[in-house]
PDB file of N, CA and C in Angstrom:
ATOM      1  N   MET A   1       0.951  -1.254  -0.191  1.00  0.00           N
ATOM      2  CA  MET A   1      -0.266  -0.319   0.032  1.00  0.00           C
ATOM      3  C   MET A   1       0.589   1.268   0.152  1.00  0.00           C
ATOM      4  N   SER A   2       0.304   2.320  -1.062  1.00  0.00           N
ATOM      5  CA  SER A   2       1.084   3.433  -0.684  1.00  0.00           C
ATOM      6  C   SER A   2       0.964   4.280   0.145  1.00  0.00           C
ATOM      7  N   LYS A   3       1.728   5.306   0.330  1.00  0.00           N
ATOM      8  CA  LYS A   3       1.394   5.881   1.408  1.00  0.00           C
ATOM      9  C   LYS A   3       0.265   7.089   1.225  1.00  0.00           C
ATOM     10  N   TYR A   4       0.145   7.235  -0.014  1.00  0.00           N
ATOM     11  CA  TYR A   4      -0.494   8.390  -0.385  1.00  0.00           C
ATOM     12  C   TYR A   4      -2.014   7.475  -0.645  1.00  0.00           C
ATOM     13  N   GLU A   5      -2.169   6.088  -0.464  1.00  0.00           N
ATOM     14  CA  GLU A   5      -3.318   5.570  -0.647  1.00  0.00           C
ATOM     15  C   GLU A   5      -5.138   6.292  -0.405  1.00  0.00           C
ATOM     16  N   PRO A   6      -4.317   6.361   1.304  1.00  0.00           N
ATOM     17  CA  PRO A   6      -5.686   7.335   1.350  1.00  0.00           C
ATOM     18  C   PRO A   6      -6.141   8.237   0.710  1.00  0.00           C
ATOM     19  N   LEU A   7      -5.151   9.057   0.187  1.00  0.00           N
ATOM     20  CA  LEU A   7      -5.733  10.534  -0.623  1.00  0.00           C
ATOM     21  C   LEU A   7      -6.625  10.270  -1.856  1.00  0.00           C
ATOM     22  N   TRP A   8      -5.851   8.941  -2.385  1.00  0.00           N
ATOM     23  CA  TRP A   8      -6.441   8.066  -3.911  1.00  0.00           C
ATOM     24  C   TRP A   8      -8.074   8.328  -3.696  1.00  0.00           C
ATOM     25  N   LYS A   9      -8.076   7.119  -2.309  1.00  0.00           N
ATOM     26  CA  LYS A   9      -9.400   6.766  -2.304  1.00  0.00           C
ATOM     27  C   LYS A   9     -10.289   7.947  -1.769  1.00  0.00           C
ATOM     28  N   HIS A  10     -10.330   8.903  -0.776  1.00  0.00           N
ATOM     29  CA  HIS A  10     -10.577   9.897  -0.956  1.00  0.00           C
ATOM     30  C   HIS A  10     -11.017  10.700  -1.701  1.00  0.00           C
ATOM     31  N   LEU A  11     -10.386  10.606  -3.261  1.00  0.00           N
ATOM     32  CA  LEU A  11     -10.537  11.397  -4.117  1.00  0.00           C
ATOM     33  C   LEU A  11     -11.509  10.607  -5.137  1.00  0.00           C
ATOM     34  N   LYS A  12     -11.359   9.656  -4.884  1.00  0.00           N
ATOM     35  CA  LYS A  12     -12.396   8.313  -5.392  1.00  0.00           C
ATOM     36  C   LYS A  12     -13.673   8.322  -4.721  1.00  0.00           C
ATOM     37  N   ALA A  13     -13.934   8.644  -3.367  1.00  0.00           N
ATOM     38  CA  ALA A  13     -15.216   8.447  -3.341  1.00  0.00           C
ATOM     39  C   ALA A  13     -15.949   9.865  -2.919  1.00  0.00           C
ATOM     40  N   ASN A  14     -15.315  10.489  -3.773  1.00  0.00           N
ATOM     41  CA  ASN A  14     -15.786  12.135  -3.928  1.00  0.00           C
ATOM     42  C   ASN A  14     -16.513  11.860  -5.030  1.00  0.00           C
ATOM     43  N   GLY A  15     -15.886  11.426  -6.263  1.00  0.00           N
ATOM     44  CA  GLY A  15     -16.661  11.137  -7.607  1.00  0.00           C
ATOM     45  C   GLY A  15     -16.610  12.318  -8.358  1.00  0.00           C
ATOM     46  N   SER A  16     -16.101  13.441  -7.716  1.00  0.00           N
ATOM     47  CA  SER A  16     -16.637  15.137  -8.473  1.00  0.00           C
ATOM     48  C   SER A  16     -15.341  14.869  -9.490  1.00  0.00           C
ATOM     49  N   SER A  17     -15.904  15.408 -11.138  1.00  0.00           N
ATOM     50  CA  SER A  17     -14.760  15.765 -12.078  1.00  0.00           C
ATOM     51  C   SER A  17     -13.316  16.487 -11.886  1.00  0.00           C
ATOM     52  N   ALA A  18     -13.759  17.545 -11.138  1.00  0.00           N
ATOM     53  CA  ALA A  18     -12.588  18.285 -10.488  1.00  0.00           C
ATOM     54  C   ALA A  18     -12.502  18.411  -9.279  1.00  0.00           C
ATOM     55  N   LEU A  19     -11.373  18.553  -8.248  1.00  0.00           N
ATOM     56  CA  LEU A  19     -11.322  18.681  -7.271  1.00  0.00           C
ATOM     57  C   LEU A  19      -9.978  19.593  -6.760  1.00  0.00           C
ATOM     58  N   LYS A  20      -9.765  20.590  -5.882  1.00  0.00           N
ATOM     59  CA  LYS A  20      -9.527  21.412  -5.514  1.00  0.00           C
ATOM     60  C   LYS A  20      -8.928  21.049  -3.977  1.00  0.00           C
ATOM     61  N   LEU A  21      -7.784  20.711  -3.877  1.00  0.00           N
ATOM     62  CA  LEU A  21      -7.163  20.094  -1.954  1.00  0.00           C
ATOM     63  C   LEU A  21      -6.783  20.881  -1.710  1.00  0.00           C
ATOM     64  N   THR A  22      -6.450  21.905  -1.020  1.00  0.00           N
ATOM     65  CA  THR A  22      -5.415  22.855   0.005  1.00  0.00           C
ATOM     66  C   THR A  22      -4.174  21.358   0.781  1.00  0.00           C
ATOM     67  N   PHE A  23      -2.913  21.960   0.834  1.00  0.00           N
ATOM     68  CA  PHE A  23      -2.017  21.320   1.417  1.00  0.00           C
ATOM     69  C   PHE A  23      -2.721  21.315   2.708  1.00  0.00           C
ATOM     70  N   GLU A  24      -3.448  21.992   3.419  1.00  0.00           N
ATOM     71  CA  GLU A  24      -4.004  21.095   5.054  1.00  0.00           C
ATOM     72  C   GLU A  24      -4.744  20.310   4.795  1.00  0.00           C
ATOM     73  N   GLU A  25      -5.695  20.405   3.921  1.00  0.00           N
ATOM     74  CA  GLU A  25      -6.726  19.336   3.598  1.00  0.00           C
ATOM     75  C   GLU A  25      -6.197  18.334   3.682  1.00  0.00           C
ATOM     76  N   ILE A  26      -4.800  18.007   2.538  1.00  0.00           N
ATOM     77  CA  ILE A  26      -4.451  16.914   2.438  1.00  0.00           C
ATOM     78  C   ILE A  26      -3.262  16.636   3.616  1.00  0.00           C
ATOM     79  N   ARG A  27      -3.035  17.113   4.216  1.00  0.00           N
ATOM     80  CA  ARG A  27      -2.508  16.618   5.563  1.00  0.00           C
ATOM     81  C   ARG A  27      -3.531  16.112   6.329  1.00  0.00           C
ATOM     82  N   THR A  28      -5.268  16.586   6.460  1.00  0.00           N
ATOM     83  CA  THR A  28      -5.470  16.043   7.994  1.00  0.00           C
ATOM     84  C   THR A  28      -5.882  14.562   6.841  1.00  0.00           C
ATOM     85  N   ILE A  29      -6.660  14.424   5.489  1.00  0.00           N
ATOM     86  CA  ILE A  29      -6.409  13.055   4.583  1.00  0.00           C
ATOM     87  C   ILE A  29      -5.444  12.099   5.164  1.00  0.00           C
ATOM     88  N   LEU A  30      -3.991  12.646   4.730  1.00  0.00           N
ATOM     89  CA  LEU A  30      -2.818  11.663   5.039  1.00  0.00           C
ATOM     90  C   LEU A  30      -2.238  11.349   6.580  1.00  0.00           C
ATOM     91  N   GLY A  31      -2.515  12.469   7.120  1.00  0.00           N
ATOM     92  CA  GLY A  31      -1.572  12.694   8.856  1.00  0.00           C
ATOM     93  C   GLY A  31      -0.328  12.911   8.752  1.00  0.00           C
ATOM     94  N   PHE A  32       0.051  13.581   7.267  1.00  0.00           N
ATOM     95  CA  PHE A  32       1.461  14.332   7.064  1.00  0.00           C
ATOM     96  C   PHE A  32       1.156  15.565   5.931  1.00  0.00           C
ATOM     97  N   ASP A  33       2.455  15.994   5.661  1.00  0.00           N
ATOM     98  CA  ASP A  33       2.286  16.772   4.846  1.00  0.00           C
ATOM     99  C   ASP A  33       2.898  16.102   3.550  1.00  0.00           C
ATOM    100  N   ILE A  34       2.496  16.686   2.232  1.00  0.00           N
ATOM    101  CA  ILE A  34       3.134  15.842   1.069  1.00  0.00           C
ATOM    102  C   ILE A  34       4.363  16.619   0.934  1.00  0.00           C
ATOM    103  N   ASP A  35       5.430  15.519   0.378  1.00  0.00           N
ATOM    104  CA  ASP A  35       6.435  16.323   0.161  1.00  0.00           C
ATOM    105  C   ASP A  35       7.020  16.271  -1.004  1.00  0.00           C
ATOM    106  N   HIS A  36       8.131  16.426  -1.737  1.00  0.00           N
ATOM    107  CA  HIS A  36       8.898  15.643  -2.427  1.00  0.00           C
ATOM    108  C   HIS A  36       8.420  14.570  -3.485  1.00  0.00           C
ATOM    109  N   SER A  37       8.209  13.300  -2.384  1.00  0.00           N
ATOM    110  CA  SER A  37       7.611  12.153  -2.952  1.00  0.00           C
ATOM    111  C   SER A  37       6.351  12.267  -3.952  1.00  0.00           C
ATOM    112  N   PHE A  38       5.828  12.884  -3.609  1.00  0.00           N
ATOM    113  CA  PHE A  38       4.266  13.089  -3.392  1.00  0.00           C
ATOM    114  C   PHE A  38       4.409  12.898  -5.535  1.00  0.00           C
ATOM    115  N   LEU A  39       5.608  13.855  -6.139  1.00  0.00           N
ATOM    116  CA  LEU A  39       5.711  14.142  -7.553  1.00  0.00           C
ATOM    117  C   LEU A  39       5.855  12.027  -8.360  1.00  0.00           C
ATOM    118  N   THR A  40       7.053  12.038  -7.513  1.00  0.00           N
ATOM    119  CA  THR A  40       6.804  10.315  -8.234  1.00  0.00           C
ATOM    120  C   THR A  40       5.715   9.630  -7.752  1.00  0.00           C
ATOM    121  N   TYR A  41       5.273   9.427  -6.681  1.00  0.00           N
ATOM    122  CA  TYR A  41       3.933   8.909  -6.529  1.00  0.00           C
ATOM    123  C   TYR A  41       2.332   9.377  -7.255  1.00  0.00           C
ATOM    124  N   LYS A  42       2.170  10.684  -7.769  1.00  0.00           N
ATOM    125  CA  LYS A  42       1.198  10.922  -8.196  1.00  0.00           C
ATOM    126  C   LYS A  42       0.271  10.071  -9.431  1.00  0.00           C
ATOM    127  N   LYS A  43       1.500   9.394 -10.071  1.00  0.00           N
ATOM    128  CA  LYS A  43       0.946   8.942 -11.156  1.00  0.00           C
ATOM    129  C   LYS A  43      -0.143   7.624 -10.544  1.00  0.00           C
ATOM    130  N   GLU A  44       0.294   7.283  -8.909  1.00  0.00           N
ATOM    131  CA  GLU A  44      -0.779   6.448  -8.629  1.00  0.00           C
ATOM    132  C   GLU A  44      -2.182   6.644  -8.974  1.00  0.00           C
ATOM    133  N   ALA A  45      -2.679   8.047  -8.909  1.00  0.00           N
ATOM    134  CA  ALA A  45      -4.327   8.735  -8.750  1.00  0.00           C
ATOM    135  C   ALA A  45      -4.797   8.146 -10.098  1.00  0.00           C
ATOM    136  N   TYR A  46      -3.909   8.079 -11.087  1.00  0.00           N
ATOM    137  CA  TYR A  46      -5.074   7.583 -12.367  1.00  0.00           C
ATOM    138  C   TYR A  46      -5.581   5.898 -11.508  1.00  0.00           C
ATOM    139  N   GLN A  47      -5.096   5.144 -11.068  1.00  0.00           N
ATOM    140  CA  GLN A  47      -5.581   4.057 -10.649  1.00  0.00           C
ATOM    141  C   GLN A  47      -7.020   4.149 -10.214  1.00  0.00           C
ATOM    142  N   PHE A  48      -7.664   5.265  -9.396  1.00  0.00           N
ATOM    143  CA  PHE A  48      -8.368   5.603  -8.872  1.00  0.00           C
ATOM    144  C   PHE A  48      -9.007   6.294  -9.240  1.00  0.00           C
ATOM    145  N   GLY A  49      -8.593   6.660 -10.982  1.00  0.00           N
ATOM    146  CA  GLY A  49      -9.736   7.447 -11.784  1.00  0.00           C
ATOM    147  C   GLY A  49      -9.273   8.747 -11.629  1.00  0.00           C
ATOM    148  N   TYR A  50      -8.266   9.412 -11.029  1.00  0.00           N
ATOM    149  CA  TYR A  50      -7.895  10.696 -11.652  1.00  0.00           C
ATOM    150  C   TYR A  50      -6.440  10.876 -11.300  1.00  0.00           C
ATOM    151  N   GLN A  51      -6.125  11.909 -11.829  1.00  0.00           N
ATOM    152  CA  GLN A  51      -5.163  12.411 -12.522  1.00  0.00           C
ATOM    153  C   GLN A  51      -4.216  13.947 -11.701  1.00  0.00           C
ATOM    154  N   VAL A  52      -3.120  14.265 -10.693  1.00  0.00           N
ATOM    155  CA  VAL A  52      -2.908  15.496 -10.595  1.00  0.00           C
ATOM    156  C   VAL A  52      -2.740  16.608 -11.822  1.00  0.00           C
ATOM    157  N   GLY A  53      -3.175  17.814 -11.164  1.00  0.00           N
ATOM    158  CA  GLY A  53      -3.218  19.016 -12.272  1.00  0.00           C
ATOM    159  C   GLY A  53      -2.514  19.927 -11.951  1.00  0.00           C
ATOM    160  N   LYS A  54      -2.764  21.097 -11.576  1.00  0.00           N
ATOM    161  CA  LYS A  54      -2.037  21.498 -11.119  1.00  0.00           C
ATOM    162  C   LYS A  54      -1.460  22.179  -9.532  1.00  0.00           C
ATOM    163  N   ILE A  55      -0.355  21.763  -9.604  1.00  0.00           N
ATOM    164  CA  ILE A  55       0.255  22.066  -8.012  1.00  0.00           C
ATOM    165  C   ILE A  55       0.342  22.862  -7.810  1.00  0.00           C
ATOM    166  N   SER A  56      -0.079  23.859  -7.025  1.00  0.00           N
ATOM    167  CA  SER A  56       0.574  25.117  -7.113  1.00  0.00           C
ATOM    168  C   SER A  56       1.423  25.631  -5.549  1.00  0.00           C
ATOM    169  N   MET A  57       2.051  25.931  -5.373  1.00  0.00           N
ATOM    170  CA  MET A  57       3.077  25.929  -4.295  1.00  0.00           C
ATOM    171  C   MET A  57       3.208  27.454  -3.747  1.00  0.00           C
ATOM    172  N   LYS A  58       2.470  28.397  -4.440  1.00  0.00           N
ATOM    173  CA  LYS A  58       2.163  29.651  -4.033  1.00  0.00           C
ATOM    174  C   LYS A  58       0.900  29.901  -3.434  1.00  0.00           C
ATOM    175  N   GLU A  59       0.089  29.117  -3.771  1.00  0.00           N
ATOM    176  CA  GLU A  59      -1.459  29.545  -3.463  1.00  0.00           C
ATOM    177  C   GLU A  59      -1.934  28.029  -2.627  1.00  0.00           C
ATOM    178  N   LYS A  60      -0.789  26.561  -2.408  1.00  0.00           N
ATOM    179  CA  LYS A  60      -0.766  25.947  -1.632  1.00  0.00           C
ATOM    180  C   LYS A  60      -2.420  24.841  -1.465  1.00  0.00           C
ATOM    181  N   HIS A  61      -2.190  24.601  -2.829  1.00  0.00           N
ATOM    182  CA  HIS A  61      -3.228  23.319  -3.383  1.00  0.00           C
ATOM    183  C   HIS A  61      -3.034  22.747  -4.277  1.00  0.00           C
ATOM    184  N   VAL A  62      -3.853  21.399  -4.404  1.00  0.00           N
ATOM    185  CA  VAL A  62      -3.523  20.869  -5.374  1.00  0.00           C
ATOM    186  C   VAL A  62      -4.589  20.608  -6.311  1.00  0.00           C
ATOM    187  N   THR A  63      -4.847  20.166  -7.631  1.00  0.00           N
ATOM    188  CA  THR A  63      -5.984  20.075  -8.439  1.00  0.00           C
ATOM    189  C   THR A  63      -6.190  19.055  -9.127  1.00  0.00           C
ATOM    190  N   PHE A  64      -7.185  18.432  -8.691  1.00  0.00           N
ATOM    191  CA  PHE A  64      -7.077  17.219  -9.081  1.00  0.00           C
ATOM    192  C   PHE A  64      -8.063  16.765 -10.361  1.00  0.00           C
ATOM    193  N   ASN A  65      -8.144  16.054 -11.096  1.00  0.00           N
ATOM    194  CA  ASN A  65      -9.082  16.278 -12.327  1.00  0.00           C
ATOM    195  C   ASN A  65      -9.648  14.712 -12.369  1.00  0.00           C
ATOM    196  N   ARG A  66     -10.485  13.819 -12.951  1.00  0.00           N
ATOM    197  CA  ARG A  66     -11.119  12.725 -13.076  1.00  0.00           C
ATOM    198  C   ARG A  66     -10.562  12.622 -14.509  1.00  0.00           C
ATOM    199  N   SER A  67      -9.851  11.507 -13.821  1.00  0.00           N
ATOM    200  CA  SER A  67      -8.904  11.118 -15.949  1.00  0.00           C
ATOM    201  C   SER A  67     -10.102  10.225 -16.741  1.00  0.00           C
ATOM    202  N   THR A  68     -10.449  10.112 -18.008  1.00  0.00           N
ATOM    203  CA  THR A  68     -10.795   9.819 -19.131  1.00  0.00           C
ATOM    204  C   THR A  68     -10.186   8.012 -19.384  1.00  0.00           C
ATOM    205  N   LYS A  69     -10.973   7.115 -19.033  1.00  0.00           N
ATOM    206  CA  LYS A  69     -10.500   6.129 -19.345  1.00  0.00           C
ATOM    207  C   LYS A  69     -11.011   5.229 -20.847  1.00  0.00           C
TER     208      LYS A  69
END
């Protein structure tokens, strides 16, 4: 199990076509802050029906988009 799996499951359960989560919301879901490894793990979101869109370091949020399979 990936350390980011709780986040991917949260996205899948939400079911929105697009979802913007703040770093704080992600910390609440995961129990830890996202770090540089997120860039490696973000491809896993596709298995749960999402793609990682924009990662804004300035605004401190990540946009997720439902993938078209």
